[in-house]
């Protein structure tokens, strides 16, 4: 990921429980320029009681379910589906990723050989889950929605104590709202965590559009995650807070342009500028006719383009000297 933002198309459960739709999402994400596509791996009965209520945004976007459990059961993919999706991702040359929401799913993804594990915001205080994830010693993306700085610090402590290197942890600033208002993005919290916790940072974006993701890259995010769907109008909890393929591709293009614009941080004239420098800078020239032996002062010299003569940086060294020859108006002054 060095010097290049790793961009994740967060497919999540936007396949609506269909392997066929998930495969189409892999194809579309790859064509849209994503580096990785991330699904959600879970066993409905392992992460929610049968009476667990839906969140308000889930009730609005995924109507018709009596409980969160019933909704999750509808959206759940089996292990065989993820094995097929991983193979499809390999064929499409996009990294297969998934968030595990329970320990059994975490173990399953580990057996699939995922190089990076994504810990969802809801698991940031789940001690047994964090211990298991830390012991796997993989690269970790830790989402921090709904948490404060102390909770993030404690989660990092647990992961590291169980074997994960701190340098392998990337903390994802995240606002758990779907969609999240722009004023709740709090991108500066990402900078705070980077400074205070000494970790790599990224941004998991739930805001509408692409502005916040692009801004996060300009601020130093090394990973961007954005919800992805084939159609925002589909029924399901996350579609409306997602980007369609064309929009996602536009975001990727904008991020890549921002990366180019960030440069290497060394202030120096660039090759593209040098051809213009002499044209737009100025030289010290005669403001009027100057006789031989006449003293140079503010009234008889000035600065004008192009910069083919003496630089105005030497202005003070010219003032008070005497002309060694005559000068016509606009001639370059030579000492």
C-alpha atoms as a PDB file:
ATOM      1  CA  UNK A   1       0.000   0.000   0.000  1.00  0.00           C
ATOM      2  CA  UNK A   2       3.051   2.304   0.167  1.00  0.00           C
ATOM      3  CA  UNK A   3       2.445   5.650  -1.587  1.00  0.00           C
ATOM      4  CA  UNK A   4      -0.825   4.332  -2.972  1.00  0.00           C
ATOM      5  CA  UNK A   5      -4.170   4.414  -1.243  1.00  0.00           C
ATOM      6  CA  UNK A   6      -5.713   0.965  -1.028  1.00  0.00           C
ATOM      7  CA  UNK A   7      -9.310   1.368  -2.173  1.00  0.00           C
ATOM      8  CA  UNK A   8     -11.901  -1.136  -1.008  1.00  0.00           C
ATOM      9  CA  UNK A   9     -15.327  -1.610  -2.553  1.00  0.00           C
ATOM     10  CA  UNK A  10     -17.424  -2.509   0.479  1.00  0.00           C
ATOM     11  CA  UNK A  11     -19.881  -4.991  -1.009  1.00  0.00           C
ATOM     12  CA  UNK A  12     -21.006  -5.970   2.476  1.00  0.00           C
ATOM     13  CA  UNK A  13     -24.396  -7.624   2.156  1.00  0.00           C
ATOM     14  CA  UNK A  14     -25.446  -5.693  -0.934  1.00  0.00           C
ATOM     15  CA  UNK A  15     -25.617  -9.003  -2.794  1.00  0.00           C
ATOM     16  CA  UNK A  16     -28.889  -9.547  -0.883  1.00  0.00           C
ATOM     17  CA  UNK A  17     -27.949 -13.146  -0.179  1.00  0.00           C
ATOM     18  CA  UNK A  18     -27.354 -14.053  -3.826  1.00  0.00           C
ATOM     19  CA  UNK A  19     -24.036 -15.583  -4.918  1.00  0.00           C
ATOM     20  CA  UNK A  20     -24.816 -14.577  -8.500  1.00  0.00           C
ATOM     21  CA  UNK A  21     -25.223 -10.942  -7.488  1.00  0.00           C
ATOM     22  CA  UNK A  22     -22.014 -11.129  -5.438  1.00  0.00           C
ATOM     23  CA  UNK A  23     -20.107 -12.410  -8.470  1.00  0.00           C
ATOM     24  CA  UNK A  24     -21.452  -9.520 -10.544  1.00  0.00           C
ATOM     25  CA  UNK A  25     -20.280  -7.137  -7.821  1.00  0.00           C
ATOM     26  CA  UNK A  26     -16.759  -8.585  -7.997  1.00  0.00           C
ATOM     27  CA  UNK A  27     -16.673  -7.988 -11.747  1.00  0.00           C
ATOM     28  CA  UNK A  28     -18.062  -4.451 -11.441  1.00  0.00           C
ATOM     29  CA  UNK A  29     -15.705  -3.506  -8.585  1.00  0.00           C
ATOM     30  CA  UNK A  30     -12.674  -4.731 -10.512  1.00  0.00           C
ATOM     31  CA  UNK A  31     -13.722  -2.771 -13.582  1.00  0.00           C
ATOM     32  CA  UNK A  32     -14.319   0.302 -11.410  1.00  0.00           C
ATOM     33  CA  UNK A  33     -10.691   0.331 -10.262  1.00  0.00           C
ATOM     34  CA  UNK A  34     -11.040  -1.004  -6.728  1.00  0.00           C
ATOM     35  CA  UNK A  35      -7.997  -2.728  -5.224  1.00  0.00           C
ATOM     36  CA  UNK A  36     -10.136  -4.986  -3.081  1.00  0.00           C
ATOM     37  CA  UNK A  37     -13.761  -5.966  -2.609  1.00  0.00           C
ATOM     38  CA  UNK A  38     -14.967  -6.747   0.900  1.00  0.00           C
ATOM     39  CA  UNK A  39     -17.936  -8.836   1.897  1.00  0.00           C
ATOM     40  CA  UNK A  40     -19.350  -9.690   5.329  1.00  0.00           C
ATOM     41  CA  UNK A  41     -18.999 -13.207   6.704  1.00  0.00           C
ATOM     42  CA  UNK A  42     -21.278 -14.187   9.548  1.00  0.00           C
ATOM     43  CA  UNK A  43     -23.554 -16.819  10.984  1.00  0.00           C
ATOM     44  CA  UNK A  44     -26.816 -15.086  11.820  1.00  0.00           C
ATOM     45  CA  UNK A  45     -27.419 -17.219  14.897  1.00  0.00           C
ATOM     46  CA  UNK A  46     -23.934 -16.468  16.218  1.00  0.00           C
ATOM     47  CA  UNK A  47     -24.180 -12.694  16.115  1.00  0.00           C
ATOM     48  CA  UNK A  48     -27.777 -11.824  16.997  1.00  0.00           C
ATOM     49  CA  UNK A  49     -30.522 -13.208  19.200  1.00  0.00           C
ATOM     50  CA  UNK A  50     -33.749 -13.990  17.405  1.00  0.00           C
ATOM     51  CA  UNK A  51     -35.387 -11.016  19.099  1.00  0.00           C
ATOM     52  CA  UNK A  52     -32.633  -8.470  18.313  1.00  0.00           C
ATOM     53  CA  UNK A  53     -34.324  -5.399  16.786  1.00  0.00           C
ATOM     54  CA  UNK A  54     -33.303  -3.783  13.516  1.00  0.00           C
ATOM     55  CA  UNK A  55     -31.572  -0.420  13.541  1.00  0.00           C
ATOM     56  CA  UNK A  56     -33.737   2.454  12.350  1.00  0.00           C
ATOM     57  CA  UNK A  57     -31.879   2.732   9.039  1.00  0.00           C
ATOM     58  CA  UNK A  58     -32.384  -1.013   8.536  1.00  0.00           C
ATOM     59  CA  UNK A  59     -36.109  -0.676   9.148  1.00  0.00           C
ATOM     60  CA  UNK A  60     -36.315   2.055   6.518  1.00  0.00           C
ATOM     61  CA  UNK A  61     -34.189   0.347   3.861  1.00  0.00           C
ATOM     62  CA  UNK A  62     -34.971  -3.315   4.545  1.00  0.00           C
ATOM     63  CA  UNK A  63     -38.662  -3.391   5.321  1.00  0.00           C
ATOM     64  CA  UNK A  64     -40.630  -6.538   5.937  1.00  0.00           C
ATOM     65  CA  UNK A  65     -38.385  -8.258   8.470  1.00  0.00           C
ATOM     66  CA  UNK A  66     -39.649  -8.911  11.998  1.00  0.00           C
ATOM     67  CA  UNK A  67     -36.167  -8.802  13.526  1.00  0.00           C
ATOM     68  CA  UNK A  68     -32.491  -8.186  12.811  1.00  0.00           C
ATOM     69  CA  UNK A  69     -31.950 -11.942  12.975  1.00  0.00           C
ATOM     70  CA  UNK A  70     -34.500 -12.562  10.223  1.00  0.00           C
ATOM     71  CA  UNK A  71     -32.847  -9.914   8.031  1.00  0.00           C
ATOM     72  CA  UNK A  72     -29.352 -11.312   8.637  1.00  0.00           C
ATOM     73  CA  UNK A  73     -30.516 -14.841   7.865  1.00  0.00           C
ATOM     74  CA  UNK A  74     -31.771 -13.620   4.493  1.00  0.00           C
ATOM     75  CA  UNK A  75     -28.438 -11.903   3.743  1.00  0.00           C
ATOM     76  CA  UNK A  76     -26.149 -14.711   4.937  1.00  0.00           C
ATOM     77  CA  UNK A  77     -23.888 -16.493   2.430  1.00  0.00           C
ATOM     78  CA  UNK A  78     -22.542 -19.970   3.188  1.00  0.00           C
ATOM     79  CA  UNK A  79     -18.876 -20.909   3.299  1.00  0.00           C
ATOM     80  CA  UNK A  80     -18.980 -22.488  -0.140  1.00  0.00           C
ATOM     81  CA  UNK A  81     -20.129 -19.178  -1.612  1.00  0.00           C
ATOM     82  CA  UNK A  82     -17.125 -17.360  -0.136  1.00  0.00           C
ATOM     83  CA  UNK A  83     -14.736 -19.980  -1.503  1.00  0.00           C
ATOM     84  CA  UNK A  84     -16.222 -19.408  -4.961  1.00  0.00           C
ATOM     85  CA  UNK A  85     -16.058 -15.634  -4.536  1.00  0.00           C
ATOM     86  CA  UNK A  86     -12.392 -15.798  -3.539  1.00  0.00           C
ATOM     87  CA  UNK A  87     -11.631 -17.784  -6.695  1.00  0.00           C
ATOM     88  CA  UNK A  88     -13.596 -15.306  -8.792  1.00  0.00           C
ATOM     89  CA  UNK A  89     -11.688 -12.406  -7.239  1.00  0.00           C
ATOM     90  CA  UNK A  90      -8.402 -14.079  -8.122  1.00  0.00           C
ATOM     91  CA  UNK A  91      -9.576 -14.414 -11.714  1.00  0.00           C
ATOM     92  CA  UNK A  92     -10.590 -10.740 -11.803  1.00  0.00           C
ATOM     93  CA  UNK A  93      -7.312  -9.652 -10.148  1.00  0.00           C
ATOM     94  CA  UNK A  94      -8.970  -7.930  -7.214  1.00  0.00           C
ATOM     95  CA  UNK A  95      -8.236  -8.792  -3.589  1.00  0.00           C
ATOM     96  CA  UNK A  96     -10.927 -10.815  -1.859  1.00  0.00           C
ATOM     97  CA  UNK A  97     -11.706  -9.478   1.605  1.00  0.00           C
ATOM     98  CA  UNK A  98     -14.403  -9.966   4.194  1.00  0.00           C
ATOM     99  CA  UNK A  99     -15.328  -8.778   7.668  1.00  0.00           C
ATOM    100  CA  UNK A 100     -15.947 -11.581  10.132  1.00  0.00           C
ATOM    101  CA  UNK A 101     -18.679 -10.891  12.680  1.00  0.00           C
ATOM    102  CA  UNK A 102     -18.139 -13.958  14.849  1.00  0.00           C
ATOM    103  CA  UNK A 103     -15.189 -16.125  15.860  1.00  0.00           C
ATOM    104  CA  UNK A 104     -16.181 -19.111  13.735  1.00  0.00           C
ATOM    105  CA  UNK A 105     -16.307 -16.859  10.671  1.00  0.00           C
ATOM    106  CA  UNK A 106     -12.967 -15.344  11.681  1.00  0.00           C
ATOM    107  CA  UNK A 107     -11.400 -18.802  11.791  1.00  0.00           C
ATOM    108  CA  UNK A 108     -12.935 -19.632   8.415  1.00  0.00           C
ATOM    109  CA  UNK A 109     -11.508 -16.522   6.757  1.00  0.00           C
ATOM    110  CA  UNK A 110      -8.138 -17.282   8.294  1.00  0.00           C
ATOM    111  CA  UNK A 111      -8.205 -20.741   6.715  1.00  0.00           C
ATOM    112  CA  UNK A 112      -8.909 -19.092   3.363  1.00  0.00           C
ATOM    113  CA  UNK A 113      -5.555 -17.343   3.755  1.00  0.00           C
ATOM    114  CA  UNK A 114      -6.720 -13.738   3.796  1.00  0.00           C
ATOM    115  CA  UNK A 115      -3.705 -11.480   4.248  1.00  0.00           C
ATOM    116  CA  UNK A 116      -5.809  -8.691   5.791  1.00  0.00           C
ATOM    117  CA  UNK A 117      -8.588  -9.041   8.340  1.00  0.00           C
ATOM    118  CA  UNK A 118     -11.216  -6.323   8.723  1.00  0.00           C
ATOM    119  CA  UNK A 119     -12.642  -5.889  12.208  1.00  0.00           C
ATOM    120  CA  UNK A 120     -16.082  -4.239  12.117  1.00  0.00           C
ATOM    121  CA  UNK A 121     -16.894  -1.317  14.399  1.00  0.00           C
ATOM    122  CA  UNK A 122     -19.286  -3.417  16.445  1.00  0.00           C
ATOM    123  CA  UNK A 123     -16.493  -5.759  17.542  1.00  0.00           C
ATOM    124  CA  UNK A 124     -14.110  -3.110  18.892  1.00  0.00           C
ATOM    125  CA  UNK A 125     -15.014  -3.980  22.498  1.00  0.00           C
ATOM    126  CA  UNK A 126     -15.416  -7.737  21.928  1.00  0.00           C
ATOM    127  CA  UNK A 127     -12.462  -9.041  23.928  1.00  0.00           C
ATOM    128  CA  UNK A 128     -12.563 -12.750  22.937  1.00  0.00           C
ATOM    129  CA  UNK A 129     -12.982 -11.766  19.279  1.00  0.00           C
ATOM    130  CA  UNK A 130     -10.091  -9.295  19.423  1.00  0.00           C
ATOM    131  CA  UNK A 131      -7.849 -11.856  21.126  1.00  0.00           C
ATOM    132  CA  UNK A 132      -8.556 -14.386  18.403  1.00  0.00           C
ATOM    133  CA  UNK A 133      -7.979 -11.824  15.652  1.00  0.00           C
ATOM    134  CA  UNK A 134      -4.728 -10.665  17.241  1.00  0.00           C
ATOM    135  CA  UNK A 135      -3.439 -14.228  17.554  1.00  0.00           C
ATOM    136  CA  UNK A 136      -3.848 -14.756  13.798  1.00  0.00           C
ATOM    137  CA  UNK A 137      -1.015 -12.235  13.247  1.00  0.00           C
ATOM    138  CA  UNK A 138      -2.388 -10.784  10.011  1.00  0.00           C
ATOM    139  CA  UNK A 139      -2.665  -7.236   8.794  1.00  0.00           C
ATOM    140  CA  UNK A 140      -5.708  -5.695  10.428  1.00  0.00           C
ATOM    141  CA  UNK A 141      -8.104  -2.927   9.482  1.00  0.00           C
ATOM    142  CA  UNK A 142      -9.917  -1.822  12.639  1.00  0.00           C
ATOM    143  CA  UNK A 143     -13.095   0.213  12.163  1.00  0.00           C
ATOM    144  CA  UNK A 144     -13.794   2.666  14.971  1.00  0.00           C
ATOM    145  CA  UNK A 145     -17.419   3.707  14.520  1.00  0.00           C
ATOM    146  CA  UNK A 146     -19.312   4.396  17.795  1.00  0.00           C
ATOM    147  CA  UNK A 147     -16.080   4.324  19.835  1.00  0.00           C
ATOM    148  CA  UNK A 148     -13.937   6.824  21.716  1.00  0.00           C
ATOM    149  CA  UNK A 149     -10.170   7.157  21.794  1.00  0.00           C
ATOM    150  CA  UNK A 150      -9.732   5.035  24.923  1.00  0.00           C
ATOM    151  CA  UNK A 151     -11.712   2.164  23.385  1.00  0.00           C
ATOM    152  CA  UNK A 152      -9.571   2.303  20.256  1.00  0.00           C
ATOM    153  CA  UNK A 153      -6.410   2.360  22.375  1.00  0.00           C
ATOM    154  CA  UNK A 154      -7.583  -0.672  24.365  1.00  0.00           C
ATOM    155  CA  UNK A 155      -8.461  -2.621  21.203  1.00  0.00           C
ATOM    156  CA  UNK A 156      -4.990  -1.975  19.814  1.00  0.00           C
ATOM    157  CA  UNK A 157      -3.461  -3.073  23.117  1.00  0.00           C
ATOM    158  CA  UNK A 158      -5.353  -6.378  22.991  1.00  0.00           C
ATOM    159  CA  UNK A 159      -4.438  -7.075  19.370  1.00  0.00           C
ATOM    160  CA  UNK A 160      -0.758  -6.362  19.985  1.00  0.00           C
ATOM    161  CA  UNK A 161      -0.638  -8.362  23.216  1.00  0.00           C
ATOM    162  CA  UNK A 162      -1.943 -11.389  21.307  1.00  0.00           C
ATOM    163  CA  UNK A 163       0.714 -11.252  18.610  1.00  0.00           C
ATOM    164  CA  UNK A 164      -0.217  -8.704  15.962  1.00  0.00           C
ATOM    165  CA  UNK A 165       2.453  -6.126  15.166  1.00  0.00           C
ATOM    166  CA  UNK A 166       1.314  -2.555  15.741  1.00  0.00           C
ATOM    167  CA  UNK A 167       2.708  -1.603  12.332  1.00  0.00           C
ATOM    168  CA  UNK A 168       0.275  -4.092  10.786  1.00  0.00           C
ATOM    169  CA  UNK A 169      -2.763  -2.324  12.247  1.00  0.00           C
ATOM    170  CA  UNK A 170      -4.578   0.402  10.328  1.00  0.00           C
ATOM    171  CA  UNK A 171      -7.217   2.324  12.252  1.00  0.00           C
ATOM    172  CA  UNK A 172     -10.250   3.286  10.173  1.00  0.00           C
ATOM    173  CA  UNK A 173     -12.105   6.461  11.088  1.00  0.00           C
ATOM    174  CA  UNK A 174     -15.760   5.590  10.666  1.00  0.00           C
ATOM    175  CA  UNK A 175     -19.178   7.049  11.458  1.00  0.00           C
ATOM    176  CA  UNK A 176     -21.784   4.353  12.001  1.00  0.00           C
ATOM    177  CA  UNK A 177     -24.756   5.981  10.300  1.00  0.00           C
ATOM    178  CA  UNK A 178     -26.211   5.091   6.909  1.00  0.00           C
ATOM    179  CA  UNK A 179     -25.842   7.512   5.299  1.00  0.00           C
ATOM    180  CA  UNK A 180     -23.709   9.671   7.603  1.00  0.00           C
ATOM    181  CA  UNK A 181     -24.144  13.462   7.297  1.00  0.00           C
ATOM    182  CA  UNK A 182     -21.039  15.304   6.101  1.00  0.00           C
ATOM    183  CA  UNK A 183     -20.806  17.161   9.401  1.00  0.00           C
ATOM    184  CA  UNK A 184     -20.442  13.820  11.193  1.00  0.00           C
ATOM    185  CA  UNK A 185     -17.497  12.552   9.125  1.00  0.00           C
ATOM    186  CA  UNK A 186     -14.999  13.998  11.630  1.00  0.00           C
ATOM    187  CA  UNK A 187     -11.953  13.427   9.452  1.00  0.00           C
ATOM    188  CA  UNK A 188      -9.793  15.259  11.956  1.00  0.00           C
ATOM    189  CA  UNK A 189     -10.374  12.368  14.380  1.00  0.00           C
ATOM    190  CA  UNK A 190      -8.382  10.259  11.927  1.00  0.00           C
ATOM    191  CA  UNK A 191      -5.458  12.656  12.324  1.00  0.00           C
ATOM    192  CA  UNK A 192      -5.847  12.600  16.111  1.00  0.00           C
ATOM    193  CA  UNK A 193      -5.648   8.803  16.211  1.00  0.00           C
ATOM    194  CA  UNK A 194      -2.601   8.820  13.956  1.00  0.00           C
ATOM    195  CA  UNK A 195      -0.798  11.293  16.200  1.00  0.00           C
ATOM    196  CA  UNK A 196      -1.866  10.037  19.621  1.00  0.00           C
ATOM    197  CA  UNK A 197      -1.870   6.297  18.957  1.00  0.00           C
ATOM    198  CA  UNK A 198       1.036   6.167  16.503  1.00  0.00           C
ATOM    199  CA  UNK A 199      -0.785   4.019  13.952  1.00  0.00           C
ATOM    200  CA  UNK A 200      -1.543   3.958  10.252  1.00  0.00           C
ATOM    201  CA  UNK A 201      -4.963   5.417   9.490  1.00  0.00           C
ATOM    202  CA  UNK A 202      -7.676   5.048   6.896  1.00  0.00           C
ATOM    203  CA  UNK A 203     -11.283   6.040   6.369  1.00  0.00           C
ATOM    204  CA  UNK A 204     -14.412   3.939   6.079  1.00  0.00           C
ATOM    205  CA  UNK A 205     -16.873   6.299   4.404  1.00  0.00           C
ATOM    206  CA  UNK A 206     -20.625   6.218   4.933  1.00  0.00           C
ATOM    207  CA  UNK A 207     -21.354   9.756   3.711  1.00  0.00           C
ATOM    208  CA  UNK A 208     -23.181  10.421   0.435  1.00  0.00           C
ATOM    209  CA  UNK A 209     -21.033  11.069  -2.619  1.00  0.00           C
ATOM    210  CA  UNK A 210     -17.256  10.955  -2.756  1.00  0.00           C
ATOM    211  CA  UNK A 211     -16.011  14.223  -1.229  1.00  0.00           C
ATOM    212  CA  UNK A 212     -15.116  12.876   2.204  1.00  0.00           C
ATOM    213  CA  UNK A 213     -13.194   9.893   0.841  1.00  0.00           C
ATOM    214  CA  UNK A 214     -11.168  12.150  -1.437  1.00  0.00           C
ATOM    215  CA  UNK A 215     -10.514  14.600   1.406  1.00  0.00           C
ATOM    216  CA  UNK A 216      -9.377  11.734   3.639  1.00  0.00           C
ATOM    217  CA  UNK A 217      -6.736  10.763   1.080  1.00  0.00           C
ATOM    218  CA  UNK A 218      -5.473  14.348   1.008  1.00  0.00           C
ATOM    219  CA  UNK A 219      -5.196  14.195   4.806  1.00  0.00           C
ATOM    220  CA  UNK A 220      -3.131  11.006   4.744  1.00  0.00           C
ATOM    221  CA  UNK A 221      -5.519   8.040   4.716  1.00  0.00           C
ATOM    222  CA  UNK A 222      -3.715   4.948   3.439  1.00  0.00           C
ATOM    223  CA  UNK A 223      -6.917   2.917   3.036  1.00  0.00           C
ATOM    224  CA  UNK A 224     -10.337   4.011   1.783  1.00  0.00           C
ATOM    225  CA  UNK A 225     -13.411   1.855   2.136  1.00  0.00           C
ATOM    226  CA  UNK A 226     -16.685   2.839   0.458  1.00  0.00           C
ATOM    227  CA  UNK A 227     -19.961   0.948   0.252  1.00  0.00           C
ATOM    228  CA  UNK A 228     -20.604  -0.437  -3.215  1.00  0.00           C
ATOM    229  CA  UNK A 229     -23.794  -1.589  -4.922  1.00  0.00           C
ATOM    230  CA  UNK A 230     -25.024  -2.514  -8.369  1.00  0.00           C
ATOM    231  CA  UNK A 231     -28.212  -0.498  -7.819  1.00  0.00           C
ATOM    232  CA  UNK A 232     -29.032   1.959  -5.023  1.00  0.00           C
ATOM    233  CA  UNK A 233     -32.729   1.268  -5.427  1.00  0.00           C
ATOM    234  CA  UNK A 234     -32.464  -2.382  -4.433  1.00  0.00           C
ATOM    235  CA  UNK A 235     -34.033  -3.506  -1.175  1.00  0.00           C
ATOM    236  CA  UNK A 236     -31.505  -3.921   1.593  1.00  0.00           C
ATOM    237  CA  UNK A 237     -29.940  -2.077   4.557  1.00  0.00           C
ATOM    238  CA  UNK A 238     -26.905  -0.510   2.851  1.00  0.00           C
ATOM    239  CA  UNK A 239     -27.772   0.158  -0.802  1.00  0.00           C
ATOM    240  CA  UNK A 240     -28.780   3.803  -0.363  1.00  0.00           C
ATOM    241  CA  UNK A 241     -25.519   4.644   1.395  1.00  0.00           C
ATOM    242  CA  UNK A 242     -23.470   3.029  -1.407  1.00  0.00           C
ATOM    243  CA  UNK A 243     -21.942   4.056  -4.722  1.00  0.00           C
ATOM    244  CA  UNK A 244     -22.917   2.460  -8.002  1.00  0.00           C
ATOM    245  CA  UNK A 245     -20.084   1.318 -10.336  1.00  0.00           C
ATOM    246  CA  UNK A 246     -19.877   4.539 -12.358  1.00  0.00           C
ATOM    247  CA  UNK A 247     -19.733   6.653  -9.200  1.00  0.00           C
ATOM    248  CA  UNK A 248     -17.168   4.355  -7.627  1.00  0.00           C
ATOM    249  CA  UNK A 249     -14.980   4.609 -10.711  1.00  0.00           C
ATOM    250  CA  UNK A 250     -15.172   8.410 -10.543  1.00  0.00           C
ATOM    251  CA  UNK A 251     -14.081   8.272  -6.891  1.00  0.00           C
ATOM    252  CA  UNK A 252     -11.138   6.013  -7.729  1.00  0.00           C
ATOM    253  CA  UNK A 253     -10.042   8.369 -10.513  1.00  0.00           C
ATOM    254  CA  UNK A 254     -10.277  11.361  -8.180  1.00  0.00           C
ATOM    255  CA  UNK A 255      -8.253   9.586  -5.483  1.00  0.00           C
ATOM    256  CA  UNK A 256      -5.534   8.664  -7.964  1.00  0.00           C
ATOM    257  CA  UNK A 257      -5.362  12.289  -9.127  1.00  0.00           C
ATOM    258  CA  UNK A 258      -5.081  13.492  -5.527  1.00  0.00           C
ATOM    259  CA  UNK A 259      -2.228  11.036  -4.944  1.00  0.00           C
ATOM    260  CA  UNK A 260      -0.388  12.489  -7.932  1.00  0.00           C
ATOM    261  CA  UNK A 261      -0.985  15.990  -6.616  1.00  0.00           C
ATOM    262  CA  UNK A 262       0.407  15.225  -3.169  1.00  0.00           C
ATOM    263  CA  UNK A 263       3.910  14.823  -4.603  1.00  0.00           C
ATOM    264  CA  UNK A 264       7.028  13.998  -2.589  1.00  0.00           C
ATOM    265  CA  UNK A 265       6.942  17.006  -0.265  1.00  0.00           C
ATOM    266  CA  UNK A 266      10.221  18.519  -1.540  1.00  0.00           C
ATOM    267  CA  UNK A 267       9.795  22.179  -2.500  1.00  0.00           C
ATOM    268  CA  UNK A 268      11.693  22.799  -5.701  1.00  0.00           C
ATOM    269  CA  UNK A 269      10.956  24.037  -9.243  1.00  0.00           C
ATOM    270  CA  UNK A 270       9.548  21.189 -11.273  1.00  0.00           C
ATOM    271  CA  UNK A 271      10.454  20.392 -14.860  1.00  0.00           C
ATOM    272  CA  UNK A 272       7.037  21.582 -16.033  1.00  0.00           C
ATOM    273  CA  UNK A 273       7.699  24.974 -14.390  1.00  0.00           C
ATOM    274  CA  UNK A 274      11.256  25.599 -15.564  1.00  0.00           C
ATOM    275  CA  UNK A 275      10.216  26.294 -19.144  1.00  0.00           C
ATOM    276  CA  UNK A 276       7.979  29.092 -17.839  1.00  0.00           C
ATOM    277  CA  UNK A 277      10.250  30.551 -15.184  1.00  0.00           C
ATOM    278  CA  UNK A 278      12.207  32.977 -17.380  1.00  0.00           C
ATOM    279  CA  UNK A 279       9.002  34.093 -19.079  1.00  0.00           C
ATOM    280  CA  UNK A 280       7.101  35.084 -15.934  1.00  0.00           C
ATOM    281  CA  UNK A 281       9.982  36.260 -13.740  1.00  0.00           C
ATOM    282  CA  UNK A 282      11.621  39.642 -14.291  1.00  0.00           C
ATOM    283  CA  UNK A 283      15.015  41.288 -14.805  1.00  0.00           C
ATOM    284  CA  UNK A 284      16.388  44.647 -13.678  1.00  0.00           C
ATOM    285  CA  UNK A 285      16.098  46.999 -16.662  1.00  0.00           C
ATOM    286  CA  UNK A 286      16.521  50.683 -17.408  1.00  0.00           C
ATOM    287  CA  UNK A 287      13.343  52.668 -16.695  1.00  0.00           C
ATOM    288  CA  UNK A 288      14.571  55.443 -19.044  1.00  0.00           C
ATOM    289  CA  UNK A 289      17.765  56.476 -20.813  1.00  0.00           C
ATOM    290  CA  UNK A 290      20.721  56.191 -18.453  1.00  0.00           C
ATOM    291  CA  UNK A 291      23.997  57.887 -19.225  1.00  0.00           C
ATOM    292  CA  UNK A 292      27.424  56.395 -18.664  1.00  0.00           C
ATOM    293  CA  UNK A 293      28.578  57.142 -15.103  1.00  0.00           C
ATOM    294  CA  UNK A 294      25.039  57.909 -13.913  1.00  0.00           C
ATOM    295  CA  UNK A 295      24.117  56.446 -10.560  1.00  0.00           C
ATOM    296  CA  UNK A 296      21.412  53.751 -10.448  1.00  0.00           C
ATOM    297  CA  UNK A 297      18.467  54.635  -8.196  1.00  0.00           C
ATOM    298  CA  UNK A 298      14.746  53.823  -7.896  1.00  0.00           C
ATOM    299  CA  UNK A 299      13.694  56.352 -10.518  1.00  0.00           C
ATOM    300  CA  UNK A 300      15.905  55.185 -13.379  1.00  0.00           C
ATOM    301  CA  UNK A 301      15.692  51.408 -13.056  1.00  0.00           C
ATOM    302  CA  UNK A 302      12.731  49.005 -12.759  1.00  0.00           C
ATOM    303  CA  UNK A 303      11.881  45.325 -13.160  1.00  0.00           C
ATOM    304  CA  UNK A 304      10.263  43.801 -16.240  1.00  0.00           C
ATOM    305  CA  UNK A 305       9.846  40.438 -17.931  1.00  0.00           C
ATOM    306  CA  UNK A 306      11.587  38.303 -19.163  1.00  0.00           C
ATOM    307  CA  UNK A 307      14.178  37.005 -16.706  1.00  0.00           C
ATOM    308  CA  UNK A 308      17.035  37.024 -19.230  1.00  0.00           C
ATOM    309  CA  UNK A 309      19.071  39.578 -17.287  1.00  0.00           C
ATOM    310  CA  UNK A 310      19.937  40.307 -13.679  1.00  0.00           C
ATOM    311  CA  UNK A 311      17.457  38.984 -11.111  1.00  0.00           C
ATOM    312  CA  UNK A 312      15.556  41.545  -8.987  1.00  0.00           C
ATOM    313  CA  UNK A 313      16.924  39.670  -5.966  1.00  0.00           C
ATOM    314  CA  UNK A 314      20.091  41.769  -6.582  1.00  0.00           C
ATOM    315  CA  UNK A 315      18.165  45.066  -6.536  1.00  0.00           C
ATOM    316  CA  UNK A 316      19.875  46.396  -3.397  1.00  0.00           C
ATOM    317  CA  UNK A 317      23.328  45.652  -4.790  1.00  0.00           C
ATOM    318  CA  UNK A 318      22.543  47.696  -7.920  1.00  0.00           C
ATOM    319  CA  UNK A 319      21.212  50.784  -6.147  1.00  0.00           C
ATOM    320  CA  UNK A 320      24.030  53.330  -5.719  1.00  0.00           C
ATOM    321  CA  UNK A 321      26.330  51.778  -8.323  1.00  0.00           C
ATOM    322  CA  UNK A 322      27.251  53.740 -11.460  1.00  0.00           C
ATOM    323  CA  UNK A 323      26.537  52.748 -15.032  1.00  0.00           C
ATOM    324  CA  UNK A 324      29.634  51.602 -16.939  1.00  0.00           C
ATOM    325  CA  UNK A 325      27.896  52.447 -20.221  1.00  0.00           C
ATOM    326  CA  UNK A 326      24.750  54.084 -21.515  1.00  0.00           C
ATOM    327  CA  UNK A 327      21.430  52.234 -21.456  1.00  0.00           C
ATOM    328  CA  UNK A 328      18.315  52.653 -23.518  1.00  0.00           C
ATOM    329  CA  UNK A 329      14.905  52.189 -21.896  1.00  0.00           C
ATOM    330  CA  UNK A 330      14.163  48.485 -21.163  1.00  0.00           C
ATOM    331  CA  UNK A 331      17.764  47.337 -21.650  1.00  0.00           C
ATOM    332  CA  UNK A 332      19.003  44.760 -19.144  1.00  0.00           C
ATOM    333  CA  UNK A 333      21.251  46.298 -16.503  1.00  0.00           C
ATOM    334  CA  UNK A 334      24.710  44.707 -16.303  1.00  0.00           C
ATOM    335  CA  UNK A 335      27.120  45.400 -13.483  1.00  0.00           C
END
